[in-house]
Full PDB file with SEQRES, HELIX, SHEET, SSBOND, CRYST1, ORIGX, SCALE, CONECT and MASTER records, all heavy atoms in Angstrom:
SEQRES   1 A   35  VAL VAL GLU LYS ALA ILE ASP THR LEU LYS GLU TYR GLY          
SEQRES   2 A   35  VAL PRO TYR GLU VAL HIS VAL TYR SER ALA HIS ARG THR          
SEQRES   3 A   35  PRO VAL GLU ALA LYS GLU PHE SER SER                          
HELIX    1 AA1 VAL A    2  GLU A   11  1                                  10    
HELIX    2 AA2 PRO A   27  SER A   34  1                                   8    
CRYST1    1.000    1.000    1.000  90.00  90.00  90.00 P 1           1          
ORIGX1      1.000000  0.000000  0.000000        0.00000                         
ORIGX2      0.000000  1.000000  0.000000        0.00000                         
ORIGX3      0.000000  0.000000  1.000000        0.00000                         
SCALE1      1.000000  0.000000  0.000000        0.00000                         
SCALE2      0.000000  1.000000  0.000000        0.00000                         
SCALE3      0.000000  0.000000  1.000000        0.00000                         
ATOM      1  N   VAL A   1     -28.655 -43.969 -14.967  1.00  0.00           N  
ATOM      2  CA  VAL A   1     -30.054 -44.142 -14.403  1.00  0.00           C  
ATOM      3  C   VAL A   1     -30.324 -45.630 -14.286  1.00  0.00           C  
ATOM      4  O   VAL A   1     -30.822 -46.025 -13.197  1.00  0.00           O  
ATOM      5  CB  VAL A   1     -31.077 -43.476 -15.362  1.00  0.00           C  
ATOM      6  CG1 VAL A   1     -32.467 -43.840 -14.955  1.00  0.00           C  
ATOM      7  CG2 VAL A   1     -30.889 -41.949 -15.382  1.00  0.00           C  
ATOM      8  N   VAL A   2     -30.062 -46.390 -15.312  1.00  0.00           N  
ATOM      9  CA  VAL A   2     -30.425 -47.787 -15.319  1.00  0.00           C  
ATOM     10  C   VAL A   2     -29.695 -48.587 -14.207  1.00  0.00           C  
ATOM     11  O   VAL A   2     -30.235 -49.576 -13.684  1.00  0.00           O  
ATOM     12  CB  VAL A   2     -30.076 -48.381 -16.685  1.00  0.00           C  
ATOM     13  CG1 VAL A   2     -30.216 -49.905 -16.740  1.00  0.00           C  
ATOM     14  CG2 VAL A   2     -31.069 -47.815 -17.703  1.00  0.00           C  
ATOM     15  N   GLU A   3     -28.478 -48.162 -13.816  1.00  0.00           N  
ATOM     16  CA  GLU A   3     -27.722 -48.865 -12.786  1.00  0.00           C  
ATOM     17  C   GLU A   3     -28.549 -48.981 -11.466  1.00  0.00           C  
ATOM     18  O   GLU A   3     -28.348 -49.972 -10.768  1.00  0.00           O  
ATOM     19  CB  GLU A   3     -26.410 -48.188 -12.528  1.00  0.00           C  
ATOM     20  CG  GLU A   3     -25.355 -48.505 -13.598  1.00  0.00           C  
ATOM     21  CD  GLU A   3     -24.019 -47.941 -13.349  1.00  0.00           C  
ATOM     22  OE1 GLU A   3     -23.966 -46.676 -13.122  1.00  0.00           O  
ATOM     23  OE2 GLU A   3     -23.072 -48.668 -13.394  1.00  0.00           O  
ATOM     24  N   LYS A   4     -29.408 -48.054 -11.228  1.00  0.00           N  
ATOM     25  CA  LYS A   4     -30.242 -48.135  -9.992  1.00  0.00           C  
ATOM     26  C   LYS A   4     -31.233 -49.376 -10.093  1.00  0.00           C  
ATOM     27  O   LYS A   4     -31.494 -50.005  -9.060  1.00  0.00           O  
ATOM     28  CB  LYS A   4     -30.995 -46.890  -9.747  1.00  0.00           C  
ATOM     29  CG  LYS A   4     -30.119 -45.662  -9.486  1.00  0.00           C  
ATOM     30  CD  LYS A   4     -30.875 -44.395  -9.290  1.00  0.00           C  
ATOM     31  CE  LYS A   4     -29.944 -43.232  -9.075  1.00  0.00           C  
ATOM     32  NZ  LYS A   4     -29.667 -42.411 -10.262  1.00  0.00           N  
ATOM     33  N   ALA A   5     -31.689 -49.641 -11.274  1.00  0.00           N  
ATOM     34  CA  ALA A   5     -32.526 -50.820 -11.443  1.00  0.00           C  
ATOM     35  C   ALA A   5     -31.705 -52.101 -11.265  1.00  0.00           C  
ATOM     36  O   ALA A   5     -32.113 -53.065 -10.651  1.00  0.00           O  
ATOM     37  CB  ALA A   5     -33.216 -50.798 -12.812  1.00  0.00           C  
ATOM     38  N   ILE A   6     -30.507 -52.090 -11.887  1.00  0.00           N  
ATOM     39  CA  ILE A   6     -29.631 -53.254 -11.829  1.00  0.00           C  
ATOM     40  C   ILE A   6     -29.306 -53.540 -10.407  1.00  0.00           C  
ATOM     41  O   ILE A   6     -29.351 -54.694  -9.899  1.00  0.00           O  
ATOM     42  CB  ILE A   6     -28.379 -53.035 -12.709  1.00  0.00           C  
ATOM     43  CG1 ILE A   6     -28.772 -52.942 -14.151  1.00  0.00           C  
ATOM     44  CG2 ILE A   6     -27.382 -54.141 -12.426  1.00  0.00           C  
ATOM     45  CD1 ILE A   6     -27.646 -52.383 -15.022  1.00  0.00           C  
ATOM     46  N   ASP A   7     -28.885 -52.494  -9.614  1.00  0.00           N  
ATOM     47  CA  ASP A   7     -28.587 -52.682  -8.204  1.00  0.00           C  
ATOM     48  C   ASP A   7     -29.753 -53.246  -7.393  1.00  0.00           C  
ATOM     49  O   ASP A   7     -29.513 -54.043  -6.519  1.00  0.00           O  
ATOM     50  CB  ASP A   7     -28.158 -51.316  -7.583  1.00  0.00           C  
ATOM     51  CG  ASP A   7     -26.799 -50.777  -8.154  1.00  0.00           C  
ATOM     52  OD1 ASP A   7     -26.073 -51.615  -8.755  1.00  0.00           O  
ATOM     53  OD2 ASP A   7     -26.530 -49.599  -7.968  1.00  0.00           O  
ATOM     54  N   THR A   8     -30.938 -52.774  -7.686  1.00  0.00           N  
ATOM     55  CA  THR A   8     -32.100 -53.287  -6.981  1.00  0.00           C  
ATOM     56  C   THR A   8     -32.373 -54.739  -7.296  1.00  0.00           C  
ATOM     57  O   THR A   8     -32.676 -55.560  -6.412  1.00  0.00           O  
ATOM     58  CB  THR A   8     -33.366 -52.392  -7.288  1.00  0.00           C  
ATOM     59  OG1 THR A   8     -33.067 -51.062  -6.948  1.00  0.00           O  
ATOM     60  CG2 THR A   8     -34.597 -52.830  -6.532  1.00  0.00           C  
ATOM     61  N   LEU A   9     -32.257 -55.106  -8.571  1.00  0.00           N  
ATOM     62  CA  LEU A   9     -32.404 -56.504  -8.936  1.00  0.00           C  
ATOM     63  C   LEU A   9     -31.409 -57.383  -8.300  1.00  0.00           C  
ATOM     64  O   LEU A   9     -31.745 -58.481  -7.773  1.00  0.00           O  
ATOM     65  CB  LEU A   9     -32.377 -56.651 -10.503  1.00  0.00           C  
ATOM     66  CG  LEU A   9     -33.552 -55.992 -11.230  1.00  0.00           C  
ATOM     67  CD1 LEU A   9     -33.223 -55.931 -12.741  1.00  0.00           C  
ATOM     68  CD2 LEU A   9     -34.863 -56.688 -10.966  1.00  0.00           C  
ATOM     69  N   LYS A  10     -30.163 -56.910  -8.177  1.00  0.00           N  
ATOM     70  CA  LYS A  10     -29.073 -57.647  -7.518  1.00  0.00           C  
ATOM     71  C   LYS A  10     -29.442 -57.823  -6.012  1.00  0.00           C  
ATOM     72  O   LYS A  10     -29.284 -58.953  -5.490  1.00  0.00           O  
ATOM     73  CB  LYS A  10     -27.748 -56.915  -7.613  1.00  0.00           C  
ATOM     74  CG  LYS A  10     -27.033 -57.032  -8.890  1.00  0.00           C  
ATOM     75  CD  LYS A  10     -25.779 -56.214  -8.844  1.00  0.00           C  
ATOM     76  CE  LYS A  10     -25.063 -56.079 -10.151  1.00  0.00           C  
ATOM     77  NZ  LYS A  10     -23.836 -55.202 -10.073  1.00  0.00           N  
ATOM     78  N   GLU A  11     -29.913 -56.779  -5.419  1.00  0.00           N  
ATOM     79  CA  GLU A  11     -30.209 -56.770  -3.970  1.00  0.00           C  
ATOM     80  C   GLU A  11     -31.238 -57.868  -3.683  1.00  0.00           C  
ATOM     81  O   GLU A  11     -31.199 -58.543  -2.631  1.00  0.00           O  
ATOM     82  CB  GLU A  11     -30.776 -55.432  -3.588  1.00  0.00           C  
ATOM     83  CG  GLU A  11     -31.240 -55.344  -2.154  1.00  0.00           C  
ATOM     84  CD  GLU A  11     -31.857 -53.953  -1.863  1.00  0.00           C  
ATOM     85  OE1 GLU A  11     -31.576 -52.953  -2.568  1.00  0.00           O  
ATOM     86  OE2 GLU A  11     -32.706 -53.845  -0.943  1.00  0.00           O  
ATOM     87  N   TYR A  12     -32.206 -58.098  -4.583  1.00  0.00           N  
ATOM     88  CA  TYR A  12     -33.220 -59.110  -4.409  1.00  0.00           C  
ATOM     89  C   TYR A  12     -32.859 -60.462  -4.971  1.00  0.00           C  
ATOM     90  O   TYR A  12     -33.643 -61.433  -4.903  1.00  0.00           O  
ATOM     91  CB  TYR A  12     -34.559 -58.636  -4.946  1.00  0.00           C  
ATOM     92  CG  TYR A  12     -35.273 -57.650  -4.099  1.00  0.00           C  
ATOM     93  CD1 TYR A  12     -34.935 -56.268  -4.118  1.00  0.00           C  
ATOM     94  CD2 TYR A  12     -36.213 -58.055  -3.144  1.00  0.00           C  
ATOM     95  CE1 TYR A  12     -35.562 -55.339  -3.270  1.00  0.00           C  
ATOM     96  CE2 TYR A  12     -36.850 -57.112  -2.284  1.00  0.00           C  
ATOM     97  CZ  TYR A  12     -36.529 -55.824  -2.369  1.00  0.00           C  
ATOM     98  OH  TYR A  12     -37.102 -54.900  -1.537  1.00  0.00           O  
ATOM     99  N   GLY A  13     -31.734 -60.552  -5.602  1.00  0.00           N  
ATOM    100  CA  GLY A  13     -31.286 -61.835  -6.165  1.00  0.00           C  
ATOM    101  C   GLY A  13     -32.095 -62.257  -7.407  1.00  0.00           C  
ATOM    102  O   GLY A  13     -32.218 -63.456  -7.690  1.00  0.00           O  
ATOM    103  N   VAL A  14     -32.550 -61.269  -8.136  1.00  0.00           N  
ATOM    104  CA  VAL A  14     -33.336 -61.554  -9.359  1.00  0.00           C  
ATOM    105  C   VAL A  14     -32.377 -61.587 -10.542  1.00  0.00           C  
ATOM    106  O   VAL A  14     -31.631 -60.627 -10.800  1.00  0.00           O  
ATOM    107  CB  VAL A  14     -34.402 -60.465  -9.529  1.00  0.00           C  
ATOM    108  CG1 VAL A  14     -35.139 -60.644 -10.861  1.00  0.00           C  
ATOM    109  CG2 VAL A  14     -35.424 -60.524  -8.391  1.00  0.00           C  
ATOM    110  N   PRO A  15     -32.435 -62.656 -11.333  1.00  0.00           N  
ATOM    111  CA  PRO A  15     -31.570 -62.705 -12.499  1.00  0.00           C  
ATOM    112  C   PRO A  15     -31.991 -61.677 -13.560  1.00  0.00           C  
ATOM    113  O   PRO A  15     -33.221 -61.407 -13.740  1.00  0.00           O  
ATOM    114  CB  PRO A  15     -31.768 -64.125 -13.014  1.00  0.00           C  
ATOM    115  CG  PRO A  15     -33.060 -64.578 -12.497  1.00  0.00           C  
ATOM    116  CD  PRO A  15     -33.266 -63.859 -11.206  1.00  0.00           C  
ATOM    117  N   TYR A  16     -31.097 -61.146 -14.287  1.00  0.00           N  
ATOM    118  CA  TYR A  16     -31.358 -60.165 -15.280  1.00  0.00           C  
ATOM    119  C   TYR A  16     -30.297 -60.210 -16.403  1.00  0.00           C  
ATOM    120  O   TYR A  16     -29.213 -60.769 -16.259  1.00  0.00           O  
ATOM    121  CB  TYR A  16     -31.352 -58.767 -14.681  1.00  0.00           C  
ATOM    122  CG  TYR A  16     -30.043 -58.364 -14.047  1.00  0.00           C  
ATOM    123  CD1 TYR A  16     -29.066 -57.766 -14.806  1.00  0.00           C  
ATOM    124  CD2 TYR A  16     -29.788 -58.728 -12.702  1.00  0.00           C  
ATOM    125  CE1 TYR A  16     -27.831 -57.465 -14.259  1.00  0.00           C  
ATOM    126  CE2 TYR A  16     -28.552 -58.393 -12.155  1.00  0.00           C  
ATOM    127  CZ  TYR A  16     -27.552 -57.793 -12.887  1.00  0.00           C  
ATOM    128  OH  TYR A  16     -26.337 -57.452 -12.354  1.00  0.00           O  
ATOM    129  N   GLU A  17     -30.655 -59.570 -17.494  1.00  0.00           N  
ATOM    130  CA  GLU A  17     -29.763 -59.280 -18.573  1.00  0.00           C  
ATOM    131  C   GLU A  17     -29.878 -57.810 -18.941  1.00  0.00           C  
ATOM    132  O   GLU A  17     -31.003 -57.276 -18.899  1.00  0.00           O  
ATOM    133  CB  GLU A  17     -30.038 -60.112 -19.815  1.00  0.00           C  
ATOM    134  CG  GLU A  17     -29.604 -61.527 -19.715  1.00  0.00           C  
ATOM    135  CD  GLU A  17     -29.842 -62.270 -21.067  1.00  0.00           C  
ATOM    136  OE1 GLU A  17     -29.844 -61.649 -22.127  1.00  0.00           O  
ATOM    137  OE2 GLU A  17     -29.929 -63.536 -21.023  1.00  0.00           O  
ATOM    138  N   VAL A  18     -28.795 -57.187 -19.300  1.00  0.00           N  
ATOM    139  CA  VAL A  18     -28.796 -55.753 -19.691  1.00  0.00           C  
ATOM    140  C   VAL A  18     -28.337 -55.600 -21.149  1.00  0.00           C  
ATOM    141  O   VAL A  18     -27.379 -56.274 -21.543  1.00  0.00           O  
ATOM    142  CB  VAL A  18     -27.846 -54.919 -18.751  1.00  0.00           C  
ATOM    143  CG1 VAL A  18     -27.906 -53.482 -19.145  1.00  0.00           C  
ATOM    144  CG2 VAL A  18     -28.223 -55.178 -17.291  1.00  0.00           C  
ATOM    145  N   HIS A  19     -29.104 -54.860 -21.914  1.00  0.00           N  
ATOM    146  CA  HIS A  19     -28.773 -54.629 -23.350  1.00  0.00           C  
ATOM    147  C   HIS A  19     -28.996 -53.202 -23.743  1.00  0.00           C  
ATOM    148  O   HIS A  19     -29.722 -52.481 -23.090  1.00  0.00           O  
ATOM    149  CB  HIS A  19     -29.635 -55.564 -24.219  1.00  0.00           C  
ATOM    150  CG  HIS A  19     -29.413 -57.020 -23.947  1.00  0.00           C  
ATOM    151  ND1 HIS A  19     -28.360 -57.689 -24.560  1.00  0.00           N  
ATOM    152  CD2 HIS A  19     -30.058 -57.908 -23.234  1.00  0.00           C  
ATOM    153  CE1 HIS A  19     -28.351 -58.953 -24.137  1.00  0.00           C  
ATOM    154  NE2 HIS A  19     -29.415 -59.113 -23.360  1.00  0.00           N  
ATOM    155  N   VAL A  20     -28.348 -52.810 -24.830  1.00  0.00           N  
ATOM    156  CA  VAL A  20     -28.587 -51.530 -25.494  1.00  0.00           C  
ATOM    157  C   VAL A  20     -29.208 -51.805 -26.847  1.00  0.00           C  
ATOM    158  O   VAL A  20     -28.516 -52.384 -27.688  1.00  0.00           O  
ATOM    159  CB  VAL A  20     -27.339 -50.706 -25.626  1.00  0.00           C  
ATOM    160  CG1 VAL A  20     -27.546 -49.380 -26.335  1.00  0.00           C  
ATOM    161  CG2 VAL A  20     -26.630 -50.428 -24.282  1.00  0.00           C  
ATOM    162  N   TYR A  21     -30.481 -51.459 -26.986  1.00  0.00           N  
ATOM    163  CA  TYR A  21     -31.167 -51.476 -28.298  1.00  0.00           C  
ATOM    164  C   TYR A  21     -31.875 -50.187 -28.491  1.00  0.00           C  
ATOM    165  O   TYR A  21     -32.573 -49.710 -27.547  1.00  0.00           O  
ATOM    166  CB  TYR A  21     -32.134 -52.628 -28.324  1.00  0.00           C  
ATOM    167  CG  TYR A  21     -31.544 -54.021 -28.274  1.00  0.00           C  
ATOM    168  CD1 TYR A  21     -31.935 -54.869 -27.252  1.00  0.00           C  
ATOM    169  CD2 TYR A  21     -30.554 -54.408 -29.148  1.00  0.00           C  
ATOM    170  CE1 TYR A  21     -31.399 -56.150 -27.203  1.00  0.00           C  
ATOM    171  CE2 TYR A  21     -30.017 -55.706 -29.075  1.00  0.00           C  
ATOM    172  CZ  TYR A  21     -30.418 -56.547 -28.094  1.00  0.00           C  
ATOM    173  OH  TYR A  21     -29.879 -57.805 -27.987  1.00  0.00           O  
ATOM    174  N   SER A  22     -31.844 -49.646 -29.591  1.00  0.00           N  
ATOM    175  CA  SER A  22     -32.590 -48.388 -29.941  1.00  0.00           C  
ATOM    176  C   SER A  22     -33.782 -48.700 -30.743  1.00  0.00           C  
ATOM    177  O   SER A  22     -33.741 -49.470 -31.730  1.00  0.00           O  
ATOM    178  CB  SER A  22     -31.626 -47.493 -30.714  1.00  0.00           C  
ATOM    179  OG  SER A  22     -32.324 -46.363 -31.232  1.00  0.00           O  
ATOM    180  N   ALA A  23     -34.921 -48.051 -30.355  1.00  0.00           N  
ATOM    181  CA  ALA A  23     -36.146 -48.182 -31.174  1.00  0.00           C  
ATOM    182  C   ALA A  23     -35.973 -47.661 -32.545  1.00  0.00           C  
ATOM    183  O   ALA A  23     -36.621 -48.092 -33.529  1.00  0.00           O  
ATOM    184  CB  ALA A  23     -37.289 -47.463 -30.497  1.00  0.00           C  
ATOM    185  N   HIS A  24     -35.066 -46.677 -32.693  1.00  0.00           N  
ATOM    186  CA  HIS A  24     -34.858 -45.993 -34.022  1.00  0.00           C  
ATOM    187  C   HIS A  24     -33.629 -46.480 -34.728  1.00  0.00           C  
ATOM    188  O   HIS A  24     -33.649 -46.552 -35.999  1.00  0.00           O  
ATOM    189  CB  HIS A  24     -34.760 -44.506 -33.755  1.00  0.00           C  
ATOM    190  CG  HIS A  24     -35.952 -43.964 -33.031  1.00  0.00           C  
ATOM    191  ND1 HIS A  24     -35.869 -43.550 -31.725  1.00  0.00           N  
ATOM    192  CD2 HIS A  24     -37.242 -43.803 -33.368  1.00  0.00           C  
ATOM    193  CE1 HIS A  24     -37.111 -43.193 -31.333  1.00  0.00           C  
ATOM    194  NE2 HIS A  24     -37.904 -43.314 -32.326  1.00  0.00           N  
ATOM    195  N   ARG A  25     -32.560 -46.755 -34.069  1.00  0.00           N  
ATOM    196  CA  ARG A  25     -31.321 -47.101 -34.741  1.00  0.00           C  
ATOM    197  C   ARG A  25     -31.045 -48.646 -34.861  1.00  0.00           C  
ATOM    198  O   ARG A  25     -30.375 -49.058 -35.738  1.00  0.00           O  
ATOM    199  CB  ARG A  25     -30.130 -46.398 -33.988  1.00  0.00           C  
ATOM    200  CG  ARG A  25     -30.156 -44.937 -34.136  1.00  0.00           C  
ATOM    201  CD  ARG A  25     -29.028 -44.252 -33.445  1.00  0.00           C  
ATOM    202  NE  ARG A  25     -28.957 -44.558 -31.969  1.00  0.00           N  
ATOM    203  CZ  ARG A  25     -29.609 -43.788 -31.043  1.00  0.00           C  
ATOM    204  NH1 ARG A  25     -30.373 -42.789 -31.419  1.00  0.00           N  
ATOM    205  NH2 ARG A  25     -29.496 -44.151 -29.788  1.00  0.00           N  
ATOM    206  N   THR A  26     -31.653 -49.433 -33.999  1.00  0.00           N  
ATOM    207  CA  THR A  26     -31.585 -50.844 -34.126  1.00  0.00           C  
ATOM    208  C   THR A  26     -33.027 -51.501 -33.939  1.00  0.00           C  
ATOM    209  O   THR A  26     -33.172 -52.353 -33.045  1.00  0.00           O  
ATOM    210  CB  THR A  26     -30.612 -51.462 -33.054  1.00  0.00           C  
ATOM    211  OG1 THR A  26     -31.072 -51.149 -31.763  1.00  0.00           O  
ATOM    212  CG2 THR A  26     -29.182 -50.962 -33.274  1.00  0.00           C  
ATOM    213  N   PRO A  27     -33.942 -51.092 -34.749  1.00  0.00           N  
ATOM    214  CA  PRO A  27     -35.328 -51.615 -34.566  1.00  0.00           C  
ATOM    215  C   PRO A  27     -35.434 -53.115 -34.783  1.00  0.00           C  
ATOM    216  O   PRO A  27     -36.201 -53.786 -34.131  1.00  0.00           O  
ATOM    217  CB  PRO A  27     -36.122 -50.839 -35.552  1.00  0.00           C  
ATOM    218  CG  PRO A  27     -35.186 -50.374 -36.612  1.00  0.00           C  
ATOM    219  CD  PRO A  27     -33.829 -50.150 -35.865  1.00  0.00           C  
ATOM    220  N   VAL A  28     -34.666 -53.673 -35.683  1.00  0.00           N  
ATOM    221  CA  VAL A  28     -34.721 -55.100 -35.977  1.00  0.00           C  
ATOM    222  C   VAL A  28     -34.265 -55.904 -34.751  1.00  0.00           C  
ATOM    223  O   VAL A  28     -34.852 -56.844 -34.336  1.00  0.00           O  
ATOM    224  CB  VAL A  28     -33.889 -55.440 -37.228  1.00  0.00           C  
ATOM    225  CG1 VAL A  28     -33.789 -56.942 -37.454  1.00  0.00           C  
ATOM    226  CG2 VAL A  28     -34.473 -54.779 -38.438  1.00  0.00           C  
ATOM    227  N   GLU A  29     -33.132 -55.497 -34.167  1.00  0.00           N  
ATOM    228  CA  GLU A  29     -32.625 -56.190 -33.022  1.00  0.00           C  
ATOM    229  C   GLU A  29     -33.516 -56.029 -31.800  1.00  0.00           C  
ATOM    230  O   GLU A  29     -33.734 -56.994 -31.067  1.00  0.00           O  
ATOM    231  CB  GLU A  29     -31.189 -55.671 -32.659  1.00  0.00           C  
ATOM    232  CG  GLU A  29     -30.103 -56.016 -33.645  1.00  0.00           C  
ATOM    233  CD  GLU A  29     -30.092 -55.132 -34.927  1.00  0.00           C  
ATOM    234  OE1 GLU A  29     -30.941 -54.164 -35.062  1.00  0.00           O  
ATOM    235  OE2 GLU A  29     -29.242 -55.363 -35.790  1.00  0.00           O  
ATOM    236  N   ALA A  30     -34.098 -54.876 -31.608  1.00  0.00           N  
ATOM    237  CA  ALA A  30     -35.043 -54.646 -30.501  1.00  0.00           C  
ATOM    238  C   ALA A  30     -36.257 -55.513 -30.698  1.00  0.00           C  
ATOM    239  O   ALA A  30     -36.723 -56.140 -29.708  1.00  0.00           O  
ATOM    240  CB  ALA A  30     -35.441 -53.151 -30.436  1.00  0.00           C  
ATOM    241  N   LYS A  31     -36.739 -55.609 -31.901  1.00  0.00           N  
ATOM    242  CA  LYS A  31     -37.880 -56.480 -32.172  1.00  0.00           C  
ATOM    243  C   LYS A  31     -37.572 -57.965 -31.943  1.00  0.00           C  
ATOM    244  O   LYS A  31     -38.294 -58.671 -31.309  1.00  0.00           O  
ATOM    245  CB  LYS A  31     -38.408 -56.267 -33.601  1.00  0.00           C  
ATOM    246  CG  LYS A  31     -39.576 -57.164 -33.944  1.00  0.00           C  
ATOM    247  CD  LYS A  31     -40.068 -57.000 -35.343  1.00  0.00           C  
ATOM    248  CE  LYS A  31     -41.231 -57.914 -35.564  1.00  0.00           C  
ATOM    249  NZ  LYS A  31     -41.704 -57.917 -36.946  1.00  0.00           N  
ATOM    250  N   GLU A  32     -36.406 -58.373 -32.456  1.00  0.00           N  
ATOM    251  CA  GLU A  32     -36.002 -59.770 -32.283  1.00  0.00           C  
ATOM    252  C   GLU A  32     -35.850 -60.149 -30.851  1.00  0.00           C  
ATOM    253  O   GLU A  32     -36.346 -61.164 -30.411  1.00  0.00           O  
ATOM    254  CB  GLU A  32     -34.698 -59.984 -33.024  1.00  0.00           C  
ATOM    255  CG  GLU A  32     -34.251 -61.457 -32.958  1.00  0.00           C  
ATOM    256  CD  GLU A  32     -32.990 -61.700 -33.772  1.00  0.00           C  
ATOM    257  OE1 GLU A  32     -32.885 -61.294 -34.910  1.00  0.00           O  
ATOM    258  OE2 GLU A  32     -32.019 -62.294 -33.129  1.00  0.00           O  
ATOM    259  N   PHE A  33     -35.211 -59.262 -30.064  1.00  0.00           N  
ATOM    260  CA  PHE A  33     -35.058 -59.555 -28.636  1.00  0.00           C  
ATOM    261  C   PHE A  33     -36.369 -59.675 -27.915  1.00  0.00           C  
ATOM    262  O   PHE A  33     -36.627 -60.624 -27.174  1.00  0.00           O  
ATOM    263  CB  PHE A  33     -34.134 -58.492 -27.977  1.00  0.00           C  
ATOM    264  CG  PHE A  33     -33.846 -58.807 -26.511  1.00  0.00           C  
ATOM    265  CD1 PHE A  33     -32.833 -59.615 -26.190  1.00  0.00           C  
ATOM    266  CD2 PHE A  33     -34.677 -58.268 -25.524  1.00  0.00           C  
ATOM    267  CE1 PHE A  33     -32.557 -59.961 -24.871  1.00  0.00           C  
ATOM    268  CE2 PHE A  33     -34.375 -58.584 -24.184  1.00  0.00           C  
ATOM    269  CZ  PHE A  33     -33.312 -59.428 -23.856  1.00  0.00           C  
ATOM    270  N   SER A  34     -37.245 -58.720 -28.111  1.00  0.00           N  
ATOM    271  CA  SER A  34     -38.560 -58.690 -27.414  1.00  0.00           C  
ATOM    272  C   SER A  34     -39.400 -59.763 -27.915  1.00  0.00           C  
ATOM    273  O   SER A  34     -40.178 -60.378 -27.091  1.00  0.00           O  
ATOM    274  CB  SER A  34     -39.165 -57.312 -27.492  1.00  0.00           C  
ATOM    275  OG  SER A  34     -39.331 -56.881 -28.816  1.00  0.00           O  
ATOM    276  N   SER A  35     -39.403 -60.096 -29.169  1.00  0.00           N  
ATOM    277  CA  SER A  35     -40.273 -61.192 -29.692  1.00  0.00           C  
ATOM    278  C   SER A  35     -39.885 -62.549 -29.103  1.00  0.00           C  
ATOM    279  O   SER A  35     -40.704 -63.396 -29.001  1.00  0.00           O  
ATOM    280  CB  SER A  35     -40.131 -61.273 -31.192  1.00  0.00           C  
ATOM    281  OG  SER A  35     -40.626 -60.108 -31.806  1.00  0.00           O  
TER     282      SER A  35                                                      
MASTER        0    0    0    2    0    0    0    6  281    1    0    3          
END                                                                             
C-alpha cells in the first residue's frame, strides 16, 4: 500500500524517508522519531 505514496513522492521530486515503527511493538522508537 505504502509504495503508492512513495511512487507519488518520487514523481513530484519530494524527498522522503521510509521507516517501519509500530505504535505497540516499538513505541519508544516511534516516539523518538516523531519527536
